[in-house]
């Protein structure tokens, strides 16, 4: 008596493929959900940091201090403003603040 049991093997193979596909789908959905939640958290955090940095206007403070603290000629103050040194210094200061903020994130989380 010769019984062909290949349909049982095919059945379990198909069930295994369905379970694998379902598990992959579920885990992908969970990963997307966690990714979305972390994106919203980090986006809100960096929006707050950006708002705090934007609230401080380094260029006017620096220009006013140059005018008050030293006896620089008006032409030199104009040149400093025309070249954009105060704006550049505010960009560098903001970059340092952002970099220091990013250093607060543990390495195990950011190096996935």
PDB file of N, CA and C in Angstrom:
ATOM      1  N   UNK A   1       0.832  -1.167   0.000  1.00  0.00           N
ATOM      2  CA  UNK A   1       0.000   0.000   0.000  1.00  0.00           C
ATOM      3  C   UNK A   1       0.884   1.239   0.000  1.00  0.00           C
ATOM      4  N   UNK A   2       0.741   2.035  -1.010  1.00  0.00           N
ATOM      5  CA  UNK A   2       1.566   3.217  -1.205  1.00  0.00           C
ATOM      6  C   UNK A   2       0.698   4.455  -1.008  1.00  0.00           C
ATOM      7  N   UNK A   3       0.925   5.153   0.114  1.00  0.00           N
ATOM      8  CA  UNK A   3       0.124   6.348   0.438  1.00  0.00           C
ATOM      9  C   UNK A   3       0.964   7.582   0.165  1.00  0.00           C
ATOM     10  N   UNK A   4       0.377   8.507  -0.590  1.00  0.00           N
ATOM     11  CA  UNK A   4       1.073   9.757  -0.900  1.00  0.00           C
ATOM     12  C   UNK A   4       0.739  10.795   0.177  1.00  0.00           C
ATOM     13  N   UNK A   5       1.719  11.156   0.964  1.00  0.00           N
ATOM     14  CA  UNK A   5       1.526  12.108   2.064  1.00  0.00           C
ATOM     15  C   UNK A   5       2.099  13.481   1.740  1.00  0.00           C
ATOM     16  N   UNK A   6       2.331  13.732   0.496  1.00  0.00           N
ATOM     17  CA  UNK A   6       2.912  15.031   0.129  1.00  0.00           C
ATOM     18  C   UNK A   6       1.930  16.179   0.377  1.00  0.00           C
ATOM     19  N   UNK A   7       0.625  15.904   0.323  1.00  0.00           N
ATOM     20  CA  UNK A   7      -0.342  16.974   0.594  1.00  0.00           C
ATOM     21  C   UNK A   7      -0.252  17.440   2.033  1.00  0.00           C
ATOM     22  N   UNK A   8       0.111  16.567   2.966  1.00  0.00           N
ATOM     23  CA  UNK A   8       0.271  16.961   4.372  1.00  0.00           C
ATOM     24  C   UNK A   8       1.503  17.850   4.514  1.00  0.00           C
ATOM     25  N   UNK A   9       2.573  17.485   3.840  1.00  0.00           N
ATOM     26  CA  UNK A   9       3.788  18.308   3.876  1.00  0.00           C
ATOM     27  C   UNK A   9       3.521  19.666   3.243  1.00  0.00           C
ATOM     28  N   UNK A  10       2.801  19.676   2.140  1.00  0.00           N
ATOM     29  CA  UNK A  10       2.467  20.941   1.489  1.00  0.00           C
ATOM     30  C   UNK A  10       1.567  21.796   2.382  1.00  0.00           C
ATOM     31  N   UNK A  11       0.636  21.151   3.075  1.00  0.00           N
ATOM     32  CA  UNK A  11      -0.253  21.875   3.978  1.00  0.00           C
ATOM     33  C   UNK A  11       0.549  22.561   5.083  1.00  0.00           C
ATOM     34  N   UNK A  12       1.426  21.814   5.740  1.00  0.00           N
ATOM     35  CA  UNK A  12       2.219  22.412   6.819  1.00  0.00           C
ATOM     36  C   UNK A  12       3.194  23.463   6.282  1.00  0.00           C
ATOM     37  N   UNK A  13       3.694  23.259   5.091  1.00  0.00           N
ATOM     38  CA  UNK A  13       4.567  24.256   4.473  1.00  0.00           C
ATOM     39  C   UNK A  13       3.791  25.547   4.205  1.00  0.00           C
ATOM     40  N   UNK A  14       2.560  25.417   3.680  1.00  0.00           N
ATOM     41  CA  UNK A  14       1.727  26.589   3.425  1.00  0.00           C
ATOM     42  C   UNK A  14       1.333  27.294   4.721  1.00  0.00           C
ATOM     43  N   UNK A  15       0.994  26.534   5.749  1.00  0.00           N
ATOM     44  CA  UNK A  15       0.657  27.126   7.051  1.00  0.00           C
ATOM     45  C   UNK A  15       1.870  27.859   7.619  1.00  0.00           C
ATOM     46  N   UNK A  16       3.042  27.267   7.487  1.00  0.00           N
ATOM     47  CA  UNK A  16       4.269  27.929   7.956  1.00  0.00           C
ATOM     48  C   UNK A  16       4.527  29.224   7.200  1.00  0.00           C
ATOM     49  N   UNK A  17       4.297  29.204   5.887  1.00  0.00           N
ATOM     50  CA  UNK A  17       4.482  30.429   5.097  1.00  0.00           C
ATOM     51  C   UNK A  17       3.476  31.510   5.493  1.00  0.00           C
ATOM     52  N   UNK A  18       2.240  31.102   5.754  1.00  0.00           N
ATOM     53  CA  UNK A  18       1.223  32.064   6.179  1.00  0.00           C
ATOM     54  C   UNK A  18       1.574  32.655   7.541  1.00  0.00           C
ATOM     55  N   UNK A  19       2.002  31.819   8.474  1.00  0.00           N
ATOM     56  CA  UNK A  19       2.386  32.322   9.796  1.00  0.00           C
ATOM     57  C   UNK A  19       3.601  33.239   9.709  1.00  0.00           C
ATOM     58  N   UNK A  20       4.562  32.869   8.864  1.00  0.00           N
ATOM     59  CA  UNK A  20       5.740  33.720   8.683  1.00  0.00           C
ATOM     60  C   UNK A  20       5.352  35.063   8.085  1.00  0.00           C
ATOM     61  N   UNK A  21       4.493  35.064   7.092  1.00  0.00           N
ATOM     62  CA  UNK A  21       4.043  36.318   6.478  1.00  0.00           C
ATOM     63  C   UNK A  21       3.278  37.169   7.482  1.00  0.00           C
ATOM     64  N   UNK A  22       2.399  36.537   8.260  1.00  0.00           N
ATOM     65  CA  UNK A  22       1.622  37.265   9.253  1.00  0.00           C
ATOM     66  C   UNK A  22       2.529  37.868  10.322  1.00  0.00           C
ATOM     67  N   UNK A  23       3.481  37.083  10.808  1.00  0.00           N
ATOM     68  CA  UNK A  23       4.402  37.567  11.829  1.00  0.00           C
ATOM     69  C   UNK A  23       5.259  38.721  11.288  1.00  0.00           C
ATOM     70  N   UNK A  24       5.703  38.592  10.050  1.00  0.00           N
ATOM     71  CA  UNK A  24       6.466  39.673   9.422  1.00  0.00           C
ATOM     72  C   UNK A  24       5.623  40.931   9.310  1.00  0.00           C
ATOM     73  N   UNK A  25       4.365  40.777   8.915  1.00  0.00           N
ATOM     74  CA  UNK A  25       3.459  41.906   8.794  1.00  0.00           C
ATOM     75  C   UNK A  25       3.244  42.586  10.138  1.00  0.00           C
ATOM     76  N   UNK A  26       3.017  41.798  11.188  1.00  0.00           N
ATOM     77  CA  UNK A  26       2.778  42.344  12.529  1.00  0.00           C
ATOM     78  C   UNK A  26       4.021  43.061  13.045  1.00  0.00           C
ATOM     79  N   UNK A  27       5.185  42.438  12.904  1.00  0.00           N
ATOM     80  CA  UNK A  27       6.411  43.059  13.402  1.00  0.00           C
ATOM     81  C   UNK A  27       6.763  44.326  12.616  1.00  0.00           C
ATOM     82  N   UNK A  28       6.492  44.335  11.324  1.00  0.00           N
ATOM     83  CA  UNK A  28       6.710  45.543  10.532  1.00  0.00           C
ATOM     84  C   UNK A  28       5.775  46.657  10.997  1.00  0.00           C
ATOM     85  N   UNK A  29       4.539  46.321  11.276  1.00  0.00           N
ATOM     86  CA  UNK A  29       3.591  47.312  11.790  1.00  0.00           C
ATOM     87  C   UNK A  29       4.014  47.865  13.136  1.00  0.00           C
ATOM     88  N   UNK A  30       4.485  46.997  14.016  1.00  0.00           N
ATOM     89  CA  UNK A  30       4.953  47.454  15.332  1.00  0.00           C
ATOM     90  C   UNK A  30       6.167  48.352  15.177  1.00  0.00           C
ATOM     91  N   UNK A  31       7.098  47.982  14.288  1.00  0.00           N
ATOM     92  CA  UNK A  31       8.286  48.802  14.060  1.00  0.00           C
ATOM     93  C   UNK A  31       7.906  50.162  13.491  1.00  0.00           C
ATOM     94  N   UNK A  32       6.951  50.195  12.573  1.00  0.00           N
ATOM     95  CA  UNK A  32       6.496  51.474  12.016  1.00  0.00           C
ATOM     96  C   UNK A  32       5.820  52.327  13.087  1.00  0.00           C
ATOM     97  N   UNK A  33       5.041  51.706  13.956  1.00  0.00           N
ATOM     98  CA  UNK A  33       4.372  52.432  15.032  1.00  0.00           C
ATOM     99  C   UNK A  33       5.384  53.032  16.002  1.00  0.00           C
ATOM    100  N   UNK A  34       6.349  52.224  16.420  1.00  0.00           N
ATOM    101  CA  UNK A  34       7.378  52.716  17.337  1.00  0.00           C
ATOM    102  C   UNK A  34       8.194  53.815  16.660  1.00  0.00           C
ATOM    103  N   UNK A  35       8.521  53.621  15.398  1.00  0.00           N
ATOM    104  CA  UNK A  35       9.265  54.640  14.647  1.00  0.00           C
ATOM    105  C   UNK A  35       8.472  55.941  14.571  1.00  0.00           C
ATOM    106  N   UNK A  36       7.192  55.856  14.313  1.00  0.00           N
ATOM    107  CA  UNK A  36       6.351  57.050  14.249  1.00  0.00           C
ATOM    108  C   UNK A  36       6.261  57.764  15.582  1.00  0.00           C
ATOM    109  N   UNK A  37       6.116  56.997  16.651  1.00  0.00           N
ATOM    110  CA  UNK A  37       6.026  57.595  17.986  1.00  0.00           C
ATOM    111  C   UNK A  37       7.341  58.279  18.342  1.00  0.00           C
ATOM    112  N   UNK A  38       8.474  57.614  18.091  1.00  0.00           N
ATOM    113  CA  UNK A  38       9.764  58.225  18.376  1.00  0.00           C
ATOM    114  C   UNK A  38       9.995  59.460  17.518  1.00  0.00           C
ATOM    115  N   UNK A  39       9.535  59.425  16.268  1.00  0.00           N
ATOM    116  CA  UNK A  39       9.668  60.597  15.403  1.00  0.00           C
ATOM    117  C   UNK A  39       8.880  61.770  15.969  1.00  0.00           C
ATOM    118  N   UNK A  40       7.675  61.524  16.424  1.00  0.00           N
ATOM    119  CA  UNK A  40       6.856  62.605  16.982  1.00  0.00           C
ATOM    120  C   UNK A  40       7.511  63.170  18.239  1.00  0.00           C
ATOM    121  N   UNK A  41       8.056  62.295  19.078  1.00  0.00           N
ATOM    122  CA  UNK A  41       8.703  62.753  20.313  1.00  0.00           C
ATOM    123  C   UNK A  41       9.931  63.593  19.986  1.00  0.00           C
ATOM    124  N   UNK A  42      10.815  63.067  19.121  1.00  0.00           N
ATOM    125  CA  UNK A  42      12.025  63.809  18.784  1.00  0.00           C
ATOM    126  C   UNK A  42      11.713  65.079  18.009  1.00  0.00           C
ATOM    127  N   UNK A  43      10.712  65.040  17.136  1.00  0.00           N
ATOM    128  CA  UNK A  43      10.336  66.233  16.381  1.00  0.00           C
ATOM    129  C   UNK A  43       9.828  67.320  17.319  1.00  0.00           C
ATOM    130  N   UNK A  44       9.013  66.948  18.280  1.00  0.00           N
ATOM    131  CA  UNK A  44       8.536  67.926  19.259  1.00  0.00           C
ATOM    132  C   UNK A  44       9.662  68.484  20.104  1.00  0.00           C
ATOM    133  N   UNK A  45      10.582  67.607  20.510  1.00  0.00           N
ATOM    134  CA  UNK A  45      11.719  68.037  21.328  1.00  0.00           C
ATOM    135  C   UNK A  45      12.594  69.027  20.565  1.00  0.00           C
ATOM    136  N   UNK A  46      12.916  68.693  19.318  1.00  0.00           N
ATOM    137  CA  UNK A  46      13.781  69.572  18.543  1.00  0.00           C
ATOM    138  C   UNK A  46      13.055  70.837  18.097  1.00  0.00           C
ATOM    139  N   UNK A  47      11.736  70.788  17.973  1.00  0.00           N
ATOM    140  CA  UNK A  47      10.975  72.009  17.694  1.00  0.00           C
ATOM    141  C   UNK A  47      11.059  72.964  18.874  1.00  0.00           C
ATOM    142  N   UNK A  48      10.982  72.426  20.076  1.00  0.00           N
ATOM    143  CA  UNK A  48      11.114  73.260  21.273  1.00  0.00           C
ATOM    144  C   UNK A  48      12.523  73.841  21.354  1.00  0.00           C
ATOM    145  N   UNK A  49      13.533  73.021  21.084  1.00  0.00           N
ATOM    146  CA  UNK A  49      14.916  73.514  21.116  1.00  0.00           C
ATOM    147  C   UNK A  49      15.117  74.604  20.071  1.00  0.00           C
ATOM    148  N   UNK A  50      14.577  74.387  18.872  1.00  0.00           N
ATOM    149  CA  UNK A  50      14.697  75.389  17.817  1.00  0.00           C
ATOM    150  C   UNK A  50      13.983  76.684  18.191  1.00  0.00           C
ATOM    151  N   UNK A  51      12.836  76.571  18.825  1.00  0.00           N
ATOM    152  CA  UNK A  51      12.114  77.778  19.258  1.00  0.00           C
ATOM    153  C   UNK A  51      12.902  78.530  20.325  1.00  0.00           C
ATOM    154  N   UNK A  52      13.543  77.797  21.226  1.00  0.00           N
ATOM    155  CA  UNK A  52      14.351  78.454  22.251  1.00  0.00           C
ATOM    156  C   UNK A  52      15.563  79.147  21.642  1.00  0.00           C
ATOM    157  N   UNK A  53      16.186  78.489  20.671  1.00  0.00           N
ATOM    158  CA  UNK A  53      17.351  79.093  20.020  1.00  0.00           C
ATOM    159  C   UNK A  53      16.924  80.291  19.187  1.00  0.00           C
ATOM    160  N   UNK A  54      15.792  80.183  18.509  1.00  0.00           N
ATOM    161  CA  UNK A  54      15.319  81.286  17.674  1.00  0.00           C
ATOM    162  C   UNK A  54      14.897  82.492  18.514  1.00  0.00           C
ATOM    163  N   UNK A  55      14.502  82.247  19.747  1.00  0.00           N
ATOM    164  CA  UNK A  55      14.070  83.351  20.603  1.00  0.00           C
ATOM    165  C   UNK A  55      15.244  84.257  20.977  1.00  0.00           C
ATOM    166  N   UNK A  56      16.439  83.688  20.981  1.00  0.00           N
ATOM    167  CA  UNK A  56      17.624  84.482  21.298  1.00  0.00           C
ATOM    168  C   UNK A  56      18.189  85.001  19.983  1.00  0.00           C
ATOM    169  N   UNK A  57      18.183  86.289  19.816  1.00  0.00           N
ATOM    170  CA  UNK A  57      18.698  86.890  18.593  1.00  0.00           C
ATOM    171  C   UNK A  57      20.120  87.364  18.857  1.00  0.00           C
ATOM    172  N   UNK A  58      21.074  86.500  18.535  1.00  0.00           N
ATOM    173  CA  UNK A  58      22.474  86.821  18.795  1.00  0.00           C
ATOM    174  C   UNK A  58      22.974  87.982  17.951  1.00  0.00           C
ATOM    175  N   UNK A  59      22.426  88.135  16.761  1.00  0.00           N
ATOM    176  CA  UNK A  59      22.967  89.154  15.862  1.00  0.00           C
ATOM    177  C   UNK A  59      22.730  90.562  16.401  1.00  0.00           C
ATOM    178  N   UNK A  60      21.538  90.841  16.905  1.00  0.00           N
ATOM    179  CA  UNK A  60      21.294  92.184  17.432  1.00  0.00           C
ATOM    180  C   UNK A  60      22.036  92.410  18.741  1.00  0.00           C
ATOM    181  N   UNK A  61      22.141  91.376  19.557  1.00  0.00           N
ATOM    182  CA  UNK A  61      22.877  91.508  20.816  1.00  0.00           C
ATOM    183  C   UNK A  61      24.342  91.794  20.527  1.00  0.00           C
ATOM    184  N   UNK A  62      24.902  91.034  19.576  1.00  0.00           N
ATOM    185  CA  UNK A  62      26.313  91.210  19.241  1.00  0.00           C
ATOM    186  C   UNK A  62      26.563  92.579  18.617  1.00  0.00           C
ATOM    187  N   UNK A  63      25.694  92.995  17.723  1.00  0.00           N
ATOM    188  CA  UNK A  63      25.850  94.305  17.087  1.00  0.00           C
ATOM    189  C   UNK A  63      25.717  95.432  18.111  1.00  0.00           C
ATOM    190  N   UNK A  64      24.748  95.319  18.993  1.00  0.00           N
ATOM    191  CA  UNK A  64      24.564  96.348  20.020  1.00  0.00           C
ATOM    192  C   UNK A  64      25.768  96.390  20.951  1.00  0.00           C
ATOM    193  N   UNK A  65      26.302  95.236  21.314  1.00  0.00           N
ATOM    194  CA  UNK A  65      27.465  95.203  22.205  1.00  0.00           C
ATOM    195  C   UNK A  65      28.705  95.748  21.517  1.00  0.00           C
ATOM    196  N   UNK A  66      28.855  95.469  20.221  1.00  0.00           N
ATOM    197  CA  UNK A  66      29.980  96.063  19.505  1.00  0.00           C
ATOM    198  C   UNK A  66      29.882  97.583  19.534  1.00  0.00           C
ATOM    199  N   UNK A  67      28.680  98.074  19.342  1.00  0.00           N
ATOM    200  CA  UNK A  67      28.506  99.522  19.330  1.00  0.00           C
ATOM    201  C   UNK A  67      28.690 100.146  20.700  1.00  0.00           C
ATOM    202  N   UNK A  68      28.338  99.436  21.761  1.00  0.00           N
ATOM    203  CA  UNK A  68      28.414  99.999  23.098  1.00  0.00           C
ATOM    204  C   UNK A  68      29.778  99.788  23.753  1.00  0.00           C
ATOM    205  N   UNK A  69      30.373  98.632  23.553  1.00  0.00           N
ATOM    206  CA  UNK A  69      31.571  98.295  24.314  1.00  0.00           C
ATOM    207  C   UNK A  69      32.857  98.843  23.722  1.00  0.00           C
ATOM    208  N   UNK A  70      32.834  99.153  22.495  1.00  0.00           N
ATOM    209  CA  UNK A  70      34.092  99.613  21.906  1.00  0.00           C
ATOM    210  C   UNK A  70      33.868 100.906  21.146  1.00  0.00           C
ATOM    211  N   UNK A  71      34.947 101.502  20.841  1.00  0.00           N
ATOM    212  CA  UNK A  71      34.870 102.741  20.078  1.00  0.00           C
ATOM    213  C   UNK A  71      35.230 102.458  18.625  1.00  0.00           C
ATOM    214  N   UNK A  72      34.589 101.448  18.063  1.00  0.00           N
ATOM    215  CA  UNK A  72      34.835 101.101  16.673  1.00  0.00           C
ATOM    216  C   UNK A  72      34.229 102.156  15.764  1.00  0.00           C
ATOM    217  N   UNK A  73      34.885 102.410  14.671  1.00  0.00           N
ATOM    218  CA  UNK A  73      34.311 103.363  13.719  1.00  0.00           C
ATOM    219  C   UNK A  73      33.017 102.812  13.109  1.00  0.00           C
ATOM    220  N   UNK A  74      32.176 103.696  12.683  1.00  0.00           N
ATOM    221  CA  UNK A  74      30.895 103.318  12.106  1.00  0.00           C
ATOM    222  C   UNK A  74      31.096 102.466  10.858  1.00  0.00           C
ATOM    223  N   UNK A  75      32.135 102.774  10.083  1.00  0.00           N
ATOM    224  CA  UNK A  75      32.400 102.019   8.866  1.00  0.00           C
ATOM    225  C   UNK A  75      32.738 100.564   9.183  1.00  0.00           C
ATOM    226  N   UNK A  76      33.485 100.345  10.261  1.00  0.00           N
ATOM    227  CA  UNK A  76      33.844  98.974  10.638  1.00  0.00           C
ATOM    228  C   UNK A  76      32.625  98.203  11.146  1.00  0.00           C
ATOM    229  N   UNK A  77      31.767  98.878  11.877  1.00  0.00           N
ATOM    230  CA  UNK A  77      30.532  98.227  12.337  1.00  0.00           C
ATOM    231  C   UNK A  77      29.657  97.873  11.136  1.00  0.00           C
ATOM    232  N   UNK A  78      29.602  98.772  10.159  1.00  0.00           N
ATOM    233  CA  UNK A  78      28.848  98.479   8.938  1.00  0.00           C
ATOM    234  C   UNK A  78      29.449  97.276   8.211  1.00  0.00           C
ATOM    235  N   UNK A  79      30.776  97.222   8.124  1.00  0.00           N
ATOM    236  CA  UNK A  79      31.445  96.110   7.455  1.00  0.00           C
ATOM    237  C   UNK A  79      31.186  94.789   8.178  1.00  0.00           C
ATOM    238  N   UNK A  80      31.224  94.827   9.491  1.00  0.00           N
ATOM    239  CA  UNK A  80      30.943  93.609  10.267  1.00  0.00           C
ATOM    240  C   UNK A  80      29.527  93.117   9.990  1.00  0.00           C
ATOM    241  N   UNK A  81      28.576  94.029   9.921  1.00  0.00           N
ATOM    242  CA  UNK A  81      27.197  93.636   9.627  1.00  0.00           C
ATOM    243  C   UNK A  81      27.028  93.221   8.179  1.00  0.00           C
ATOM    244  N   UNK A  82      27.720  93.873   7.254  1.00  0.00           N
ATOM    245  CA  UNK A  82      27.579  93.543   5.836  1.00  0.00           C
ATOM    246  C   UNK A  82      28.152  92.172   5.527  1.00  0.00           C
ATOM    247  N   UNK A  83      29.247  91.816   6.188  1.00  0.00           N
ATOM    248  CA  UNK A  83      29.860  90.505   5.965  1.00  0.00           C
ATOM    249  C   UNK A  83      29.008  89.411   6.600  1.00  0.00           C
ATOM    250  N   UNK A  84      28.292  89.719   7.634  1.00  0.00           N
ATOM    251  CA  UNK A  84      27.403  88.747   8.271  1.00  0.00           C
ATOM    252  C   UNK A  84      28.046  88.002   9.424  1.00  0.00           C
ATOM    253  N   UNK A  85      28.996  88.624  10.073  1.00  0.00           N
ATOM    254  CA  UNK A  85      29.660  87.975  11.209  1.00  0.00           C
ATOM    255  C   UNK A  85      28.681  87.687  12.346  1.00  0.00           C
ATOM    256  N   UNK A  86      27.790  88.611  12.719  1.00  0.00           N
ATOM    257  CA  UNK A  86      26.849  88.281  13.806  1.00  0.00           C
ATOM    258  C   UNK A  86      25.927  87.104  13.466  1.00  0.00           C
ATOM    259  N   UNK A  87      25.429  87.052  12.224  1.00  0.00           N
ATOM    260  CA  UNK A  87      24.564  85.937  11.829  1.00  0.00           C
ATOM    261  C   UNK A  87      25.351  84.629  11.813  1.00  0.00           C
ATOM    262  N   UNK A  88      26.591  84.691  11.333  1.00  0.00           N
ATOM    263  CA  UNK A  88      27.432  83.485  11.318  1.00  0.00           C
ATOM    264  C   UNK A  88      27.724  82.989  12.720  1.00  0.00           C
ATOM    265  N   UNK A  89      27.982  83.916  13.635  1.00  0.00           N
ATOM    266  CA  UNK A  89      28.246  83.505  15.016  1.00  0.00           C
ATOM    267  C   UNK A  89      26.992  82.919  15.656  1.00  0.00           C
ATOM    268  N   UNK A  90      25.825  83.450  15.301  1.00  0.00           N
ATOM    269  CA  UNK A  90      24.594  82.872  15.849  1.00  0.00           C
ATOM    270  C   UNK A  90      24.363  81.473  15.278  1.00  0.00           C
ATOM    271  N   UNK A  91      24.706  81.252  14.004  1.00  0.00           N
ATOM    272  CA  UNK A  91      24.573  79.907  13.430  1.00  0.00           C
ATOM    273  C   UNK A  91      25.518  78.922  14.112  1.00  0.00           C
ATOM    274  N   UNK A  92      26.746  79.354  14.355  1.00  0.00           N
ATOM    275  CA  UNK A  92      27.719  78.484  15.028  1.00  0.00           C
ATOM    276  C   UNK A  92      27.259  78.198  16.456  1.00  0.00           C
ATOM    277  N   UNK A  93      26.762  79.222  17.142  1.00  0.00           N
ATOM    278  CA  UNK A  93      26.247  79.004  18.501  1.00  0.00           C
ATOM    279  C   UNK A  93      25.068  78.057  18.520  1.00  0.00           C
ATOM    280  N   UNK A  94      24.165  78.205  17.545  1.00  0.00           N
ATOM    281  CA  UNK A  94      23.021  77.295  17.474  1.00  0.00           C
ATOM    282  C   UNK A  94      23.477  75.878  17.159  1.00  0.00           C
ATOM    283  N   UNK A  95      24.494  75.743  16.311  1.00  0.00           N
ATOM    284  CA  UNK A  95      25.012  74.406  15.992  1.00  0.00           C
ATOM    285  C   UNK A  95      25.617  73.753  17.227  1.00  0.00           C
ATOM    286  N   UNK A  96      26.329  74.537  18.028  1.00  0.00           N
ATOM    287  CA  UNK A  96      26.887  73.980  19.266  1.00  0.00           C
ATOM    288  C   UNK A  96      25.792  73.537  20.227  1.00  0.00           C
ATOM    289  N   UNK A  97      24.753  74.356  20.346  1.00  0.00           N
ATOM    290  CA  UNK A  97      23.648  73.996  21.247  1.00  0.00           C
ATOM    291  C   UNK A  97      22.958  72.720  20.754  1.00  0.00           C
ATOM    292  N   UNK A  98      22.727  72.608  19.447  1.00  0.00           N
ATOM    293  CA  UNK A  98      22.089  71.416  18.906  1.00  0.00           C
ATOM    294  C   UNK A  98      22.981  70.202  19.123  1.00  0.00           C
ATOM    295  N   UNK A  99      24.287  70.365  18.904  1.00  0.00           N
ATOM    296  CA  UNK A  99      25.213  69.242  19.102  1.00  0.00           C
ATOM    297  C   UNK A  99      25.232  68.805  20.559  1.00  0.00           C
ATOM    298  N   UNK A 100      25.245  69.745  21.478  1.00  0.00           N
ATOM    299  CA  UNK A 100      25.220  69.387  22.900  1.00  0.00           C
ATOM    300  C   UNK A 100      23.895  68.724  23.274  1.00  0.00           C
ATOM    301  N   UNK A 101      22.812  69.155  22.636  1.00  0.00           N
ATOM    302  CA  UNK A 101      21.514  68.525  22.878  1.00  0.00           C
ATOM    303  C   UNK A 101      21.514  67.095  22.359  1.00  0.00           C
ATOM    304  N   UNK A 102      22.118  66.888  21.197  1.00  0.00           N
ATOM    305  CA  UNK A 102      22.187  65.531  20.643  1.00  0.00           C
ATOM    306  C   UNK A 102      23.073  64.626  21.480  1.00  0.00           C
ATOM    307  N   UNK A 103      24.036  65.195  22.174  1.00  0.00           N
ATOM    308  CA  UNK A 103      24.893  64.382  23.034  1.00  0.00           C
ATOM    309  C   UNK A 103      24.136  63.835  24.244  1.00  0.00           C
ATOM    310  N   UNK A 104      22.979  64.405  24.534  1.00  0.00           N
ATOM    311  CA  UNK A 104      22.178  63.900  25.655  1.00  0.00           C
ATOM    312  C   UNK A 104      21.505  62.569  25.332  1.00  0.00           C
ATOM    313  N   UNK A 105      21.363  62.263  24.039  1.00  0.00           N
ATOM    314  CA  UNK A 105      20.742  61.009  23.632  1.00  0.00           C
ATOM    315  C   UNK A 105      21.764  59.896  23.805  1.00  0.00           C
ATOM    316  N   UNK A 106      21.412  58.842  24.534  1.00  0.00           N
ATOM    317  CA  UNK A 106      22.380  57.757  24.741  1.00  0.00           C
ATOM    318  C   UNK A 106      22.759  57.095  23.416  1.00  0.00           C
ATOM    319  N   UNK A 107      23.991  56.629  23.358  1.00  0.00           N
ATOM    320  CA  UNK A 107      24.500  56.012  22.144  1.00  0.00           C
ATOM    321  C   UNK A 107      23.792  54.720  21.773  1.00  0.00           C
ATOM    322  N   UNK A 108      23.289  54.010  22.763  1.00  0.00           N
ATOM    323  CA  UNK A 108      22.621  52.747  22.457  1.00  0.00           C
ATOM    324  C   UNK A 108      21.320  52.949  21.721  1.00  0.00           C
ATOM    325  N   UNK A 109      20.672  54.094  21.927  1.00  0.00           N
ATOM    326  CA  UNK A 109      19.413  54.369  21.235  1.00  0.00           C
ATOM    327  C   UNK A 109      19.674  54.894  19.836  1.00  0.00           C
ATOM    328  N   UNK A 110      20.665  55.763  19.686  1.00  0.00           N
ATOM    329  CA  UNK A 110      20.879  56.425  18.407  1.00  0.00           C
ATOM    330  C   UNK A 110      21.654  55.576  17.413  1.00  0.00           C
ATOM    331  N   UNK A 111      22.318  54.529  17.848  1.00  0.00           N
ATOM    332  CA  UNK A 111      23.110  53.700  16.936  1.00  0.00           C
ATOM    333  C   UNK A 111      22.430  52.357  16.726  1.00  0.00           C
ATOM    334  N   UNK A 112      21.300  52.419  16.055  1.00  0.00           N
ATOM    335  CA  UNK A 112      20.516  51.211  15.805  1.00  0.00           C
ATOM    336  C   UNK A 112      21.014  50.528  14.552  1.00  0.00           C
TER     337      UNK A 112
END
